[in-house]
C-alpha atoms as a PDB file:
ATOM      1  CA  MET A   1      35.315 -30.081  30.667  1.00  0.00           C
ATOM      2  CA  LYS A   2      34.074 -29.516  27.194  1.00  0.00           C
ATOM      3  CA  LYS A   3      30.515 -30.356  26.391  1.00  0.00           C
ATOM      4  CA  ASP A   4      30.046 -32.896  23.654  1.00  0.00           C
ATOM      5  CA  LYS A   5      28.060 -31.511  20.781  1.00  0.00           C
ATOM      6  CA  GLN A   6      25.170 -33.724  19.887  1.00  0.00           C
ATOM      7  CA  GLU A   7      24.213 -33.541  16.264  1.00  0.00           C
ATOM      8  CA  THR A   8      20.643 -34.136  15.305  1.00  0.00           C
ATOM      9  CA  ASN A   9      19.472 -35.192  11.904  1.00  0.00           C
ATOM     10  CA  LEU A  10      16.091 -33.514  12.236  1.00  0.00           C
ATOM     11  CA  ILE A  11      16.959 -30.517  10.085  1.00  0.00           C
ATOM     12  CA  ILE A  12      17.517 -31.250   6.432  1.00  0.00           C
ATOM     13  CA  ARG A  13      18.734 -28.353   4.341  1.00  0.00           C
ATOM     14  CA  LYS A  14      18.655 -28.541   0.593  1.00  0.00           C
ATOM     15  CA  ARG A  15      20.421 -25.864  -1.365  1.00  0.00           C
ATOM     16  CA  SER A  16      18.269 -24.370  -4.098  1.00  0.00           C
ATOM     17  CA  SER A  17      19.526 -24.152  -7.648  1.00  0.00           C
ATOM     18  CA  ILE A  18      20.826 -20.877  -9.012  1.00  0.00           C
ATOM     19  CA  PHE A  19      17.817 -20.592 -11.329  1.00  0.00           C
ATOM     20  CA  LYS A  20      15.347 -20.978  -8.465  1.00  0.00           C
ATOM     21  CA  ARG A  21      17.195 -18.371  -6.403  1.00  0.00           C
ATOM     22  CA  LEU A  22      17.274 -16.013  -9.392  1.00  0.00           C
ATOM     23  CA  GLU A  23      13.543 -16.561  -9.932  1.00  0.00           C
ATOM     24  CA  ARG A  24      12.814 -15.724  -6.275  1.00  0.00           C
ATOM     25  CA  PHE A  25      15.058 -12.658  -6.448  1.00  0.00           C
ATOM     26  CA  ILE A  26      13.316 -11.299  -9.552  1.00  0.00           C
ATOM     27  CA  PHE A  27       9.887 -11.985  -8.062  1.00  0.00           C
ATOM     28  CA  LEU A  28      10.722 -10.188  -4.813  1.00  0.00           C
ATOM     29  CA  VAL A  29      12.258  -7.216  -6.627  1.00  0.00           C
ATOM     30  CA  MET A  30       9.109  -6.899  -8.757  1.00  0.00           C
ATOM     31  CA  LEU A  31       6.876  -7.051  -5.680  1.00  0.00           C
ATOM     32  CA  TRP A  32       8.911  -4.401  -3.869  1.00  0.00           C
ATOM     33  CA  ALA A  33       8.965  -2.186  -6.969  1.00  0.00           C
ATOM     34  CA  MET A  34       5.171  -2.388  -7.223  1.00  0.00           C
ATOM     35  CA  THR A  35       4.789  -1.647  -3.524  1.00  0.00           C
ATOM     36  CA  ILE A  36       7.095   1.362  -3.705  1.00  0.00           C
ATOM     37  CA  TYR A  37       5.267   2.672  -6.776  1.00  0.00           C
ATOM     38  CA  ILE A  38       1.865   2.351  -5.080  1.00  0.00           C
ATOM     39  CA  ILE A  39       3.198   4.231  -2.059  1.00  0.00           C
ATOM     40  CA  TYR A  40       4.643   6.884  -4.393  1.00  0.00           C
ATOM     41  CA  VAL A  41       1.276   7.326  -6.159  1.00  0.00           C
ATOM     42  CA  ASN A  42      -0.500   7.661  -2.819  1.00  0.00           C
ATOM     43  CA  ILE A  43       1.966  10.217  -1.478  1.00  0.00           C
ATOM     44  CA  CYS A  44       1.668  12.262  -4.684  1.00  0.00           C
ATOM     45  CA  PHE A  45      -2.110  12.333  -4.334  1.00  0.00           C
ATOM     46  CA  LEU A  46      -1.927  13.232  -0.668  1.00  0.00           C
ATOM     47  CA  LEU A  47       0.387  16.131  -1.561  1.00  0.00           C
ATOM     48  CA  ASN A  48      -1.913  17.181  -4.459  1.00  0.00           C
ATOM     49  CA  ALA A  49       0.778  16.493  -7.060  1.00  0.00           C
ATOM     50  CA  TYR A  50      -1.260  15.309 -10.018  1.00  0.00           C
ATOM     51  CA  SER A  51      -0.270  14.212 -13.482  1.00  0.00           C
ATOM     52  CA  ASP A  52      -2.102  12.293 -16.197  1.00  0.00           C
ATOM     53  CA  THR A  53      -0.027   9.186 -15.553  1.00  0.00           C
ATOM     54  CA  LEU A  54      -0.591   9.295 -11.808  1.00  0.00           C
ATOM     55  CA  VAL A  55      -4.337   9.798 -12.247  1.00  0.00           C
ATOM     56  CA  SER A  56      -4.603   6.854 -14.638  1.00  0.00           C
ATOM     57  CA  ASP A  57      -2.518   4.671 -12.319  1.00  0.00           C
ATOM     58  CA  TYR A  58      -4.586   5.769  -9.325  1.00  0.00           C
ATOM     59  CA  LEU A  59      -7.804   4.840 -11.142  1.00  0.00           C
ATOM     60  CA  PHE A  60      -6.306   1.598 -12.426  1.00  0.00           C
ATOM     61  CA  LEU A  61      -5.179   0.546  -8.953  1.00  0.00           C
ATOM     62  CA  ASN A  62      -8.566   1.631  -7.521  1.00  0.00           C
ATOM     63  CA  LEU A  63      -6.950   3.056  -4.415  1.00  0.00           C
ATOM     64  CA  SER A  64      -9.249   4.202  -1.638  1.00  0.00           C
ATOM     65  CA  TYR A  65      -9.313   4.469   2.129  1.00  0.00           C
ATOM     66  CA  TYR A  66     -11.735   1.532   2.246  1.00  0.00           C
ATOM     67  CA  ALA A  67      -9.185  -0.544   0.341  1.00  0.00           C
ATOM     68  CA  TYR A  68      -6.494   0.557   2.826  1.00  0.00           C
ATOM     69  CA  ALA A  69      -8.662  -0.646   5.708  1.00  0.00           C
ATOM     70  CA  ARG A  70      -9.231  -4.021   4.038  1.00  0.00           C
ATOM     71  CA  PHE A  71      -5.542  -4.354   3.245  1.00  0.00           C
ATOM     72  CA  ALA A  72      -4.561  -3.467   6.815  1.00  0.00           C
ATOM     73  CA  MET A  73      -7.004  -6.081   8.130  1.00  0.00           C
ATOM     74  CA  LEU A  74      -5.552  -8.660   5.742  1.00  0.00           C
ATOM     75  CA  VAL A  75      -2.027  -7.844   6.936  1.00  0.00           C
ATOM     76  CA  LEU A  76      -3.068  -8.208  10.584  1.00  0.00           C
ATOM     77  CA  VAL A  77      -4.789 -11.534   9.905  1.00  0.00           C
ATOM     78  CA  MET A  78      -1.738 -12.833   8.029  1.00  0.00           C
ATOM     79  CA  VAL A  79       0.628 -11.720  10.806  1.00  0.00           C
ATOM     80  CA  GLY A  80      -1.550 -13.499  13.359  1.00  0.00           C
ATOM     81  CA  PHE A  81      -1.754 -16.621  11.196  1.00  0.00           C
ATOM     82  CA  MET A  82       2.008 -16.701  10.623  1.00  0.00           C
ATOM     83  CA  THR A  83       2.698 -16.205  14.335  1.00  0.00           C
ATOM     84  CA  VAL A  84       0.398 -19.058  15.340  1.00  0.00           C
ATOM     85  CA  PHE A  85       1.718 -21.320  12.572  1.00  0.00           C
ATOM     86  CA  GLY A  86       5.349 -20.599  13.507  1.00  0.00           C
ATOM     87  CA  TRP A  87       4.677 -21.203  17.198  1.00  0.00           C
ATOM     88  CA  LEU A  88       2.932 -24.525  16.454  1.00  0.00           C
ATOM     89  CA  ARG A  89       5.727 -25.585  14.094  1.00  0.00           C
ATOM     90  CA  ILE A  90       8.421 -24.840  16.697  1.00  0.00           C
ATOM     91  CA  LYS A  91       6.502 -26.799  19.343  1.00  0.00           C
ATOM     92  CA  LYS A  92       6.142 -29.741  16.942  1.00  0.00           C
ATOM     93  CA  LEU A  93       9.873 -29.707  16.177  1.00  0.00           C
ATOM     94  CA  GLU A  94      10.701 -29.550  19.895  1.00  0.00           C
ATOM     95  CA  ARG A  95       8.484 -32.592  20.543  1.00  0.00           C
ATOM     96  CA  GLU A  96      10.125 -34.466  17.663  1.00  0.00           C
ATOM     97  CA  ALA A  97      13.589 -33.586  19.009  1.00  0.00           C
ATOM     98  CA  LYS A  98      12.679 -34.837  22.493  1.00  0.00           C
ATOM     99  CA  ARG A  99      11.236 -38.041  21.047  1.00  0.00           C
ATOM    100  CA  HIS A 100      14.345 -38.478  18.901  1.00  0.00           C
ATOM    101  CA  GLU A 101      16.612 -38.029  21.946  1.00  0.00           C
ATOM    102  CA  GLN A 102      14.555 -40.546  23.934  1.00  0.00           C
ATOM    103  CA  ASP A 103      14.765 -43.069  21.104  1.00  0.00           C
ATOM    104  CA  LYS A 104      18.558 -42.672  20.919  1.00  0.00           C
ATOM    105  CA  SER A 105      19.066 -43.401  24.603  1.00  0.00           C
END
């Protein structure tokens, strides 16, 4: 016996426009490029490879171990927040799906 697939209308997917997707793509590429450059500057300083450009960028970015600690704490807080938010959202959707199934029958 084949199981009947029950379709639910709880998930609504809207396809983004090409311009919005292009905007997101450019934004993410810029963020990753900045992140990679900051890591590159840090590695150069850790390996004692100095240049005038790297020194000015290092001073401009105000990189320090204290800043690393604050950034790491921010990342941990955001990971915790996203985990809790995702878990609560999934539970809410499960409750809505159960309520929707009860209303159908």
